Amino acid sequence: MNPISLDSPAKEREFTNLIRRENEKYFWTGGNVNHGRNPSIRWPSGRTTTSNQWSNTGGAGRPQPDNREGNENCLAVLNNFYNDGQRFHDVSCHHRKPVICER
């Protein structure tokens, strides 16, 4: 099993709705964030995507991905953590969060 690949708009919607519906605070995905000029996400499925699910805020009040800690390469889905709805955040991988896996 691998951490979930939210590598299509349909999967993004399904899992952002799931976290809202189940009232979970957050979860890890398998996404690895590339902080280049046009941020992209590399997934365990082998696909690379971009997303419009990035939050407009975070711990430093800046739009995501912001690489605030300098090593925020992992992708988490947070449930309204910064009053921003169910959105993608780049987060340092050392943080403890539940992981959703798939085959």
C-alpha atoms as a PDB file:
ATOM      1  CA  MET A   1       0.000   0.000   0.000  1.00  0.00           C
ATOM      2  CA  ASN A   2       1.096   3.567  -0.747  1.00  0.00           C
ATOM      3  CA  PRO A   3       0.007   6.915   0.637  1.00  0.00           C
ATOM      4  CA  ILE A   4      -2.915   8.257  -1.421  1.00  0.00           C
ATOM      5  CA  SER A   5      -2.299   9.916  -4.773  1.00  0.00           C
ATOM      6  CA  LEU A   6      -4.793  12.747  -5.280  1.00  0.00           C
ATOM      7  CA  ASP A   7      -3.712  12.868  -8.900  1.00  0.00           C
ATOM      8  CA  SER A   8      -6.988  13.919 -10.519  1.00  0.00           C
ATOM      9  CA  PRO A   9      -9.574  16.629  -9.837  1.00  0.00           C
ATOM     10  CA  ALA A  10     -12.136  13.925  -8.988  1.00  0.00           C
ATOM     11  CA  LYS A  11      -9.900  12.395  -6.288  1.00  0.00           C
ATOM     12  CA  GLU A  12      -9.101  15.865  -4.930  1.00  0.00           C
ATOM     13  CA  ARG A  13     -12.830  16.576  -4.549  1.00  0.00           C
ATOM     14  CA  GLU A  14     -13.572  13.156  -3.072  1.00  0.00           C
ATOM     15  CA  PHE A  15     -10.957  13.457  -0.317  1.00  0.00           C
ATOM     16  CA  THR A  16     -11.459  17.135   0.509  1.00  0.00           C
ATOM     17  CA  ASN A  17     -15.175  16.329   0.902  1.00  0.00           C
ATOM     18  CA  LEU A  18     -14.309  13.266   3.012  1.00  0.00           C
ATOM     19  CA  ILE A  19     -12.228  15.262   5.518  1.00  0.00           C
ATOM     20  CA  ARG A  20     -15.030  17.835   5.816  1.00  0.00           C
ATOM     21  CA  ARG A  21     -17.769  15.233   6.173  1.00  0.00           C
ATOM     22  CA  GLU A  22     -15.847  13.136   8.741  1.00  0.00           C
ATOM     23  CA  ASN A  23     -14.686  16.267  10.600  1.00  0.00           C
ATOM     24  CA  GLU A  24     -11.031  15.175  10.572  1.00  0.00           C
ATOM     25  CA  LYS A  25      -8.415  17.859  11.292  1.00  0.00           C
ATOM     26  CA  TYR A  26      -5.936  16.770   8.617  1.00  0.00           C
ATOM     27  CA  PHE A  27      -4.252  13.867   6.837  1.00  0.00           C
ATOM     28  CA  TRP A  28      -1.097  13.174   4.893  1.00  0.00           C
ATOM     29  CA  THR A  29      -1.209  12.384   1.226  1.00  0.00           C
ATOM     30  CA  GLY A  30       1.618  10.786  -0.730  1.00  0.00           C
ATOM     31  CA  GLY A  31       2.291  14.056  -2.538  1.00  0.00           C
ATOM     32  CA  ASN A  32       5.796  15.474  -2.772  1.00  0.00           C
ATOM     33  CA  VAL A  33       5.752  19.236  -3.380  1.00  0.00           C
ATOM     34  CA  ASN A  34       8.003  20.901  -5.947  1.00  0.00           C
ATOM     35  CA  HIS A  35       8.301  24.553  -4.939  1.00  0.00           C
ATOM     36  CA  GLY A  36       9.397  25.788  -8.360  1.00  0.00           C
ATOM     37  CA  ARG A  37       7.985  28.738 -10.251  1.00  0.00           C
ATOM     38  CA  ASN A  38       4.813  26.771 -11.039  1.00  0.00           C
ATOM     39  CA  PRO A  39       4.359  24.524  -7.981  1.00  0.00           C
ATOM     40  CA  SER A  40       3.611  20.915  -8.809  1.00  0.00           C
ATOM     41  CA  ILE A  41       2.992  17.718  -6.894  1.00  0.00           C
ATOM     42  CA  ARG A  42       4.638  14.362  -7.615  1.00  0.00           C
ATOM     43  CA  TRP A  43       2.479  11.410  -6.539  1.00  0.00           C
ATOM     44  CA  PRO A  44       3.277   7.777  -5.621  1.00  0.00           C
ATOM     45  CA  SER A  45       1.237   6.819  -8.710  1.00  0.00           C
ATOM     46  CA  GLY A  46       4.031   8.324 -10.828  1.00  0.00           C
ATOM     47  CA  ARG A  47       1.907  11.248 -12.017  1.00  0.00           C
ATOM     48  CA  THR A  48       2.828  14.897 -11.563  1.00  0.00           C
ATOM     49  CA  THR A  49       0.000  17.400 -11.256  1.00  0.00           C
ATOM     50  CA  THR A  50      -0.809  20.963 -10.364  1.00  0.00           C
ATOM     51  CA  SER A  51      -3.813  21.863  -8.236  1.00  0.00           C
ATOM     52  CA  ASN A  52      -6.238  24.661  -7.531  1.00  0.00           C
ATOM     53  CA  GLN A  53      -6.813  23.238  -4.022  1.00  0.00           C
ATOM     54  CA  TRP A  54      -3.925  25.180  -2.430  1.00  0.00           C
ATOM     55  CA  SER A  55      -4.894  27.254   0.581  1.00  0.00           C
ATOM     56  CA  ASN A  56      -4.687  31.024   0.394  1.00  0.00           C
ATOM     57  CA  THR A  57      -3.129  31.106   3.869  1.00  0.00           C
ATOM     58  CA  GLY A  58      -1.050  29.097   6.324  1.00  0.00           C
ATOM     59  CA  GLY A  59       0.983  29.424   9.491  1.00  0.00           C
ATOM     60  CA  ALA A  60       2.728  32.534   8.191  1.00  0.00           C
ATOM     61  CA  GLY A  61      -0.441  33.940   6.587  1.00  0.00           C
ATOM     62  CA  ARG A  62       0.920  33.400   3.048  1.00  0.00           C
ATOM     63  CA  PRO A  63      -0.642  31.481   0.159  1.00  0.00           C
ATOM     64  CA  GLN A  64       0.379  27.837  -0.113  1.00  0.00           C
ATOM     65  CA  PRO A  65       2.744  26.323  -0.965  1.00  0.00           C
ATOM     66  CA  ASP A  66       5.008  28.674   0.983  1.00  0.00           C
ATOM     67  CA  ASN A  67       7.849  26.398   2.149  1.00  0.00           C
ATOM     68  CA  ARG A  68       7.744  28.351   5.420  1.00  0.00           C
ATOM     69  CA  GLU A  69      10.086  26.013   7.322  1.00  0.00           C
ATOM     70  CA  GLY A  70      12.409  25.579   4.338  1.00  0.00           C
ATOM     71  CA  ASN A  71      11.750  21.845   4.033  1.00  0.00           C
ATOM     72  CA  GLU A  72       7.999  21.620   3.483  1.00  0.00           C
ATOM     73  CA  ASN A  73       8.077  18.918   0.823  1.00  0.00           C
ATOM     74  CA  CYS A  74       5.127  16.841   2.032  1.00  0.00           C
ATOM     75  CA  LEU A  75       1.506  17.505   1.149  1.00  0.00           C
ATOM     76  CA  ALA A  76      -1.254  17.494   3.758  1.00  0.00           C
ATOM     77  CA  VAL A  77      -4.952  18.196   3.421  1.00  0.00           C
ATOM     78  CA  LEU A  78      -6.106  20.373   6.310  1.00  0.00           C
ATOM     79  CA  ASN A  79      -9.720  20.818   7.348  1.00  0.00           C
ATOM     80  CA  ASN A  80     -10.334  24.525   7.867  1.00  0.00           C
ATOM     81  CA  PHE A  81      -7.209  24.685  10.060  1.00  0.00           C
ATOM     82  CA  TYR A  82      -6.612  28.338   9.094  1.00  0.00           C
ATOM     83  CA  ASN A  83     -10.292  29.180   8.415  1.00  0.00           C
ATOM     84  CA  ASP A  84      -9.657  28.365   4.767  1.00  0.00           C
ATOM     85  CA  GLY A  85     -11.862  25.326   4.134  1.00  0.00           C
ATOM     86  CA  GLN A  86     -10.498  21.926   3.120  1.00  0.00           C
ATOM     87  CA  ARG A  87      -7.255  22.783   1.370  1.00  0.00           C
ATOM     88  CA  PHE A  88      -3.781  21.604   0.403  1.00  0.00           C
ATOM     89  CA  HIS A  89      -0.812  22.744   2.495  1.00  0.00           C
ATOM     90  CA  ASP A  90       2.882  22.059   2.092  1.00  0.00           C
ATOM     91  CA  VAL A  91       4.121  20.876   5.484  1.00  0.00           C
ATOM     92  CA  SER A  92       7.436  19.666   6.909  1.00  0.00           C
ATOM     93  CA  CYS A  93       7.389  15.880   6.802  1.00  0.00           C
ATOM     94  CA  HIS A  94       8.301  15.482  10.501  1.00  0.00           C
ATOM     95  CA  HIS A  95       4.793  16.495  11.652  1.00  0.00           C
ATOM     96  CA  ARG A  96       2.582  13.644  12.858  1.00  0.00           C
ATOM     97  CA  LYS A  97      -0.675  13.193  10.967  1.00  0.00           C
ATOM     98  CA  PRO A  98      -2.817  10.222   9.930  1.00  0.00           C
ATOM     99  CA  VAL A  99      -2.061   8.807   6.483  1.00  0.00           C
ATOM    100  CA  ILE A 100      -4.620   7.626   3.950  1.00  0.00           C
ATOM    101  CA  CYS A 101      -3.267   4.761   1.855  1.00  0.00           C
ATOM    102  CA  GLU A 102      -4.387   3.017  -1.326  1.00  0.00           C
ATOM    103  CA  ARG A 103      -3.403  -0.050  -3.276  1.00  0.00           C
END
